[in-house]
Amino acid sequence: MIPQLPGDKDALIRDLRRQLAAAQSEIRLLKRRGLLDELRKAAPRKPATAPGQVSMKLGRRLGLWRSPAVVGVVGLVLLGFATDAGVGWYQARSLMSSSSASSTSRTASRSA
């Protein structure tokens, strides 16, 4: 990018102010003649209609459960919970049996 001289910036600012003043003057002239309203009416616009109400409901309407990816993810989560429950049950049983065995060996050694 070519560096601009301070004089160039001042000239640009003066030119932009002139253009703004000309546009404001034209708007005032159009208002006096009543043409501004006609111009606004004639300008092409997009229709300003509000979008229809969209109800976001999960389940049957979006076919959420028909998606193989969702069914797979839910299945993996359930498998993870089942595995965690199984490991917890096994560890509790193993802990009880080892504490039971150690208490049995302690009472046997005390009686001897």
N, C-alpha and C. Protein backbone atom coordinates (compact mmCIF):
# COMPACT_ATOMS: atom_id res chain seq x y z
N MET A 1 0.84 -1.17 0.00
CA MET A 1 0.00 0.00 0.00
C MET A 1 0.89 1.24 0.00
N ILE A 2 0.53 2.20 -0.79
CA ILE A 2 1.32 3.42 -0.91
C ILE A 2 0.93 4.37 0.22
N PRO A 3 1.89 4.88 0.99
CA PRO A 3 1.54 5.80 2.08
C PRO A 3 0.99 7.10 1.51
N GLN A 4 -0.07 7.59 2.14
CA GLN A 4 -0.69 8.83 1.68
C GLN A 4 -0.10 10.02 2.44
N LEU A 5 -0.01 11.10 1.77
CA LEU A 5 0.46 12.33 2.39
C LEU A 5 -0.67 12.97 3.17
N PRO A 6 -0.38 13.71 4.23
CA PRO A 6 -1.43 14.36 5.01
C PRO A 6 -2.33 15.24 4.16
N GLY A 7 -1.80 15.88 3.13
CA GLY A 7 -2.60 16.72 2.24
C GLY A 7 -3.63 15.90 1.49
N ASP A 8 -3.28 14.66 1.11
CA ASP A 8 -4.21 13.79 0.40
C ASP A 8 -5.40 13.42 1.29
N LYS A 9 -5.14 13.17 2.54
CA LYS A 9 -6.21 12.82 3.47
C LYS A 9 -7.15 14.00 3.67
N ASP A 10 -6.57 15.18 3.79
CA ASP A 10 -7.40 16.38 3.97
C ASP A 10 -8.27 16.61 2.74
N ALA A 11 -7.71 16.41 1.56
CA ALA A 11 -8.48 16.59 0.33
C ALA A 11 -9.61 15.56 0.25
N LEU A 12 -9.31 14.34 0.67
CA LEU A 12 -10.33 13.28 0.65
C LEU A 12 -11.46 13.61 1.63
N ILE A 13 -11.11 14.10 2.79
CA ILE A 13 -12.12 14.46 3.79
C ILE A 13 -12.99 15.61 3.27
N ARG A 14 -12.37 16.62 2.65
CA ARG A 14 -13.14 17.73 2.10
C ARG A 14 -14.09 17.25 1.01
N ASP A 15 -13.61 16.34 0.16
CA ASP A 15 -14.44 15.81 -0.92
C ASP A 15 -15.63 15.02 -0.36
N LEU A 16 -15.38 14.20 0.66
CA LEU A 16 -16.46 13.42 1.27
C LEU A 16 -17.49 14.34 1.93
N ARG A 17 -17.03 15.40 2.56
CA ARG A 17 -17.97 16.35 3.18
C ARG A 17 -18.80 17.06 2.11
N ARG A 18 -18.19 17.39 0.98
CA ARG A 18 -18.94 18.00 -0.12
C ARG A 18 -20.01 17.06 -0.64
N GLN A 19 -19.65 15.80 -0.80
CA GLN A 19 -20.61 14.81 -1.29
C GLN A 19 -21.76 14.63 -0.31
N LEU A 20 -21.45 14.61 0.99
CA LEU A 20 -22.49 14.47 2.01
C LEU A 20 -23.42 15.68 1.98
N ALA A 21 -22.87 16.87 1.87
CA ALA A 21 -23.69 18.08 1.82
C ALA A 21 -24.58 18.07 0.58
N ALA A 22 -24.06 17.60 -0.54
CA ALA A 22 -24.85 17.53 -1.77
C ALA A 22 -26.00 16.54 -1.62
N ALA A 23 -25.72 15.39 -1.00
CA ALA A 23 -26.77 14.39 -0.79
C ALA A 23 -27.85 14.90 0.15
N GLN A 24 -27.44 15.58 1.23
CA GLN A 24 -28.42 16.14 2.17
C GLN A 24 -29.25 17.23 1.50
N SER A 25 -28.64 18.01 0.64
CA SER A 25 -29.35 19.06 -0.08
C SER A 25 -30.38 18.44 -1.03
N GLU A 26 -29.99 17.36 -1.69
CA GLU A 26 -30.91 16.69 -2.60
C GLU A 26 -32.10 16.10 -1.84
N ILE A 27 -31.86 15.57 -0.66
CA ILE A 27 -32.95 15.01 0.15
C ILE A 27 -33.91 16.13 0.56
N ARG A 28 -33.37 17.26 0.96
CA ARG A 28 -34.23 18.39 1.34
C ARG A 28 -35.08 18.85 0.17
N LEU A 29 -34.48 18.91 -1.02
CA LEU A 29 -35.21 19.32 -2.22
C LEU A 29 -36.32 18.33 -2.54
N LEU A 30 -36.02 17.04 -2.42
CA LEU A 30 -37.03 16.02 -2.69
C LEU A 30 -38.17 16.09 -1.68
N LYS A 31 -37.84 16.37 -0.44
CA LYS A 31 -38.89 16.49 0.58
C LYS A 31 -39.83 17.64 0.24
N ARG A 32 -39.26 18.75 -0.19
CA ARG A 32 -40.09 19.90 -0.55
C ARG A 32 -41.03 19.56 -1.69
N ARG A 33 -40.56 18.83 -2.61
CA ARG A 33 -41.39 18.50 -3.78
C ARG A 33 -42.33 17.32 -3.49
N GLY A 34 -42.15 16.65 -2.33
CA GLY A 34 -42.99 15.50 -2.01
C GLY A 34 -42.60 14.25 -2.77
N LEU A 35 -41.45 14.28 -3.37
CA LEU A 35 -41.03 13.13 -4.18
C LEU A 35 -40.33 12.06 -3.35
N LEU A 36 -39.92 12.42 -2.16
CA LEU A 36 -39.20 11.44 -1.35
C LEU A 36 -40.09 10.26 -1.00
N ASP A 37 -41.34 10.56 -0.64
CA ASP A 37 -42.27 9.47 -0.31
C ASP A 37 -42.54 8.59 -1.52
N GLU A 38 -42.67 9.24 -2.69
CA GLU A 38 -42.90 8.46 -3.91
C GLU A 38 -41.69 7.58 -4.23
N LEU A 39 -40.52 8.14 -4.00
CA LEU A 39 -39.31 7.38 -4.25
C LEU A 39 -39.23 6.17 -3.33
N ARG A 40 -39.59 6.37 -2.07
CA ARG A 40 -39.57 5.25 -1.12
C ARG A 40 -40.58 4.19 -1.50
N LYS A 41 -41.73 4.61 -1.97
CA LYS A 41 -42.77 3.64 -2.37
C LYS A 41 -42.34 2.86 -3.61
N ALA A 42 -41.65 3.53 -4.52
CA ALA A 42 -41.26 2.90 -5.77
C ALA A 42 -40.02 2.01 -5.63
N ALA A 43 -39.28 2.20 -4.55
CA ALA A 43 -38.05 1.42 -4.38
C ALA A 43 -38.40 -0.05 -4.15
N PRO A 44 -37.71 -0.93 -4.86
CA PRO A 44 -37.98 -2.35 -4.65
C PRO A 44 -37.53 -2.79 -3.27
N ARG A 45 -38.41 -3.46 -2.58
CA ARG A 45 -38.09 -3.95 -1.23
C ARG A 45 -38.48 -5.41 -1.10
N LYS A 46 -37.80 -6.03 -0.20
CA LYS A 46 -38.19 -7.40 0.13
C LYS A 46 -39.44 -7.34 0.98
N PRO A 47 -40.32 -8.29 0.82
CA PRO A 47 -41.53 -8.27 1.66
C PRO A 47 -41.16 -8.40 3.13
N ALA A 48 -41.78 -7.59 3.93
CA ALA A 48 -41.47 -7.56 5.37
C ALA A 48 -42.41 -8.46 6.15
N THR A 49 -42.58 -9.68 5.69
CA THR A 49 -43.44 -10.61 6.40
C THR A 49 -42.62 -11.38 7.43
N ALA A 50 -43.24 -11.62 8.54
CA ALA A 50 -42.56 -12.38 9.60
C ALA A 50 -42.54 -13.85 9.21
N PRO A 51 -41.46 -14.55 9.51
CA PRO A 51 -41.41 -15.98 9.20
C PRO A 51 -42.45 -16.72 10.02
N GLY A 52 -42.97 -17.78 9.47
CA GLY A 52 -43.96 -18.58 10.17
C GLY A 52 -43.38 -19.19 11.44
N GLN A 53 -44.25 -19.46 12.36
CA GLN A 53 -43.81 -20.05 13.62
C GLN A 53 -43.33 -21.47 13.37
N VAL A 54 -42.12 -21.73 13.78
CA VAL A 54 -41.55 -23.06 13.62
C VAL A 54 -41.43 -23.66 15.01
N SER A 55 -42.08 -24.80 15.17
CA SER A 55 -41.99 -25.45 16.48
C SER A 55 -40.86 -26.47 16.44
N MET A 56 -39.94 -26.30 17.33
CA MET A 56 -38.81 -27.21 17.41
C MET A 56 -39.12 -28.28 18.45
N LYS A 57 -39.51 -29.41 17.98
CA LYS A 57 -39.81 -30.51 18.89
C LYS A 57 -38.97 -31.70 18.48
N LEU A 58 -38.33 -32.27 19.45
CA LEU A 58 -37.55 -33.46 19.18
C LEU A 58 -38.47 -34.67 19.25
N GLY A 59 -38.08 -35.69 18.59
CA GLY A 59 -38.89 -36.90 18.64
C GLY A 59 -39.43 -37.25 17.27
N ARG A 60 -40.72 -37.49 17.21
CA ARG A 60 -41.32 -37.98 15.97
C ARG A 60 -41.25 -36.98 14.82
N ARG A 61 -41.39 -35.70 15.11
CA ARG A 61 -41.46 -34.71 14.04
C ARG A 61 -40.16 -34.58 13.27
N LEU A 62 -39.04 -34.61 13.94
CA LEU A 62 -37.76 -34.47 13.25
C LEU A 62 -37.17 -35.82 12.87
N GLY A 63 -37.80 -36.90 13.24
CA GLY A 63 -37.27 -38.21 12.91
C GLY A 63 -35.95 -38.48 13.61
N LEU A 64 -35.82 -37.97 14.83
CA LEU A 64 -34.55 -38.06 15.55
C LEU A 64 -34.16 -39.51 15.81
N TRP A 65 -35.13 -40.32 16.17
CA TRP A 65 -34.81 -41.71 16.53
C TRP A 65 -34.62 -42.58 15.32
N ARG A 66 -34.91 -42.07 14.12
CA ARG A 66 -34.68 -42.86 12.90
C ARG A 66 -33.24 -42.72 12.41
N SER A 67 -32.53 -41.78 12.96
CA SER A 67 -31.15 -41.55 12.54
C SER A 67 -30.24 -42.62 13.12
N PRO A 68 -29.50 -43.33 12.27
CA PRO A 68 -28.60 -44.38 12.78
C PRO A 68 -27.50 -43.82 13.68
N ALA A 69 -27.06 -42.61 13.42
CA ALA A 69 -26.00 -42.02 14.24
C ALA A 69 -26.50 -41.79 15.66
N VAL A 70 -27.71 -41.26 15.80
CA VAL A 70 -28.26 -41.00 17.14
C VAL A 70 -28.49 -42.30 17.88
N VAL A 71 -29.03 -43.28 17.20
CA VAL A 71 -29.27 -44.58 17.83
C VAL A 71 -27.95 -45.21 18.25
N GLY A 72 -26.92 -45.06 17.43
CA GLY A 72 -25.61 -45.61 17.77
C GLY A 72 -25.00 -44.93 18.99
N VAL A 73 -25.10 -43.60 19.04
CA VAL A 73 -24.56 -42.87 20.19
C VAL A 73 -25.29 -43.24 21.47
N VAL A 74 -26.62 -43.31 21.40
CA VAL A 74 -27.41 -43.68 22.58
C VAL A 74 -27.05 -45.10 23.02
N GLY A 75 -26.88 -45.99 22.05
CA GLY A 75 -26.49 -47.36 22.38
C GLY A 75 -25.13 -47.44 23.05
N LEU A 76 -24.17 -46.66 22.55
CA LEU A 76 -22.84 -46.65 23.17
C LEU A 76 -22.87 -46.09 24.59
N VAL A 77 -23.68 -45.06 24.81
CA VAL A 77 -23.79 -44.49 26.16
C VAL A 77 -24.40 -45.52 27.11
N LEU A 78 -25.46 -46.19 26.66
CA LEU A 78 -26.08 -47.22 27.51
C LEU A 78 -25.13 -48.38 27.77
N LEU A 79 -24.35 -48.77 26.76
CA LEU A 79 -23.37 -49.84 26.95
C LEU A 79 -22.31 -49.41 27.96
N GLY A 80 -21.89 -48.15 27.91
CA GLY A 80 -20.93 -47.63 28.88
C GLY A 80 -21.47 -47.69 30.30
N PHE A 81 -22.74 -47.28 30.48
CA PHE A 81 -23.35 -47.35 31.81
C PHE A 81 -23.45 -48.80 32.31
N ALA A 82 -23.83 -49.71 31.42
CA ALA A 82 -23.95 -51.11 31.80
C ALA A 82 -22.58 -51.69 32.18
N THR A 83 -21.55 -51.34 31.42
CA THR A 83 -20.21 -51.81 31.73
C THR A 83 -19.73 -51.27 33.07
N ASP A 84 -20.00 -49.99 33.33
CA ASP A 84 -19.61 -49.39 34.60
C ASP A 84 -20.32 -50.07 35.77
N ALA A 85 -21.60 -50.36 35.60
CA ALA A 85 -22.35 -51.04 36.66
C ALA A 85 -21.78 -52.43 36.90
N GLY A 86 -21.44 -53.14 35.82
CA GLY A 86 -20.88 -54.48 35.95
C GLY A 86 -19.53 -54.47 36.65
N VAL A 87 -18.68 -53.52 36.29
CA VAL A 87 -17.36 -53.42 36.93
C VAL A 87 -17.52 -53.07 38.40
N GLY A 88 -18.43 -52.16 38.72
CA GLY A 88 -18.68 -51.80 40.12
C GLY A 88 -19.18 -52.98 40.93
N TRP A 89 -20.10 -53.74 40.34
CA TRP A 89 -20.62 -54.93 41.03
C TRP A 89 -19.50 -55.93 41.27
N TYR A 90 -18.65 -56.16 40.25
CA TYR A 90 -17.56 -57.12 40.38
C TYR A 90 -16.55 -56.67 41.44
N GLN A 91 -16.22 -55.37 41.45
CA GLN A 91 -15.27 -54.88 42.44
C GLN A 91 -15.83 -54.98 43.86
N ALA A 92 -17.11 -54.67 44.02
CA ALA A 92 -17.72 -54.77 45.35
C ALA A 92 -17.71 -56.22 45.82
N ARG A 93 -18.05 -57.14 44.94
CA ARG A 93 -18.06 -58.57 45.30
C ARG A 93 -16.66 -59.07 45.64
N SER A 94 -15.68 -58.61 44.84
CA SER A 94 -14.30 -59.02 45.06
C SER A 94 -13.78 -58.46 46.38
N LEU A 95 -14.12 -57.22 46.68
CA LEU A 95 -13.70 -56.59 47.92
C LEU A 95 -14.31 -57.30 49.12
N MET A 96 -15.60 -57.64 49.00
CA MET A 96 -16.26 -58.34 50.11
C MET A 96 -15.64 -59.71 50.33
N SER A 97 -15.34 -60.43 49.25
CA SER A 97 -14.77 -61.77 49.40
C SER A 97 -13.35 -61.69 49.96
N SER A 98 -12.57 -60.67 49.55
CA SER A 98 -11.20 -60.57 50.07
C SER A 98 -11.22 -60.11 51.53
N SER A 99 -12.14 -59.23 51.91
CA SER A 99 -12.21 -58.82 53.32
C SER A 99 -12.75 -59.96 54.17
N SER A 100 -13.64 -60.75 53.59
CA SER A 100 -14.17 -61.91 54.31
C SER A 100 -13.07 -62.95 54.51
N ALA A 101 -12.25 -63.15 53.50
CA ALA A 101 -11.16 -64.13 53.60
C ALA A 101 -10.11 -63.65 54.59
N SER A 102 -9.82 -62.37 54.60
CA SER A 102 -8.80 -61.88 55.52
C SER A 102 -9.30 -61.92 56.96
N SER A 103 -10.60 -61.65 57.19
CA SER A 103 -11.13 -61.74 58.55
C SER A 103 -11.17 -63.20 59.01
N THR A 104 -11.43 -64.12 58.11
CA THR A 104 -11.44 -65.53 58.45
C THR A 104 -10.03 -66.00 58.80
N SER A 105 -9.03 -65.53 58.06
CA SER A 105 -7.66 -65.94 58.34
C SER A 105 -7.17 -65.33 59.63
N ARG A 106 -7.64 -64.13 59.99
CA ARG A 106 -7.25 -63.51 61.25
C ARG A 106 -7.83 -64.26 62.44
N THR A 107 -9.09 -64.67 62.32
CA THR A 107 -9.70 -65.40 63.45
C THR A 107 -9.08 -66.78 63.58
N ALA A 108 -8.67 -67.36 62.48
CA ALA A 108 -8.03 -68.67 62.54
C ALA A 108 -6.65 -68.58 63.20
N SER A 109 -5.91 -67.52 62.92
CA SER A 109 -4.59 -67.36 63.51
C SER A 109 -4.68 -67.00 64.98
N ARG A 110 -5.75 -66.35 65.41
CA ARG A 110 -5.92 -65.99 66.81
C ARG A 110 -6.30 -67.21 67.64
N SER A 111 -7.07 -68.07 67.07
CA SER A 111 -7.50 -69.24 67.83
C SER A 111 -6.40 -70.28 67.97
N ALA A 112 -5.40 -70.22 67.11
CA ALA A 112 -4.33 -71.20 67.16
C ALA A 112 -3.29 -70.92 68.20
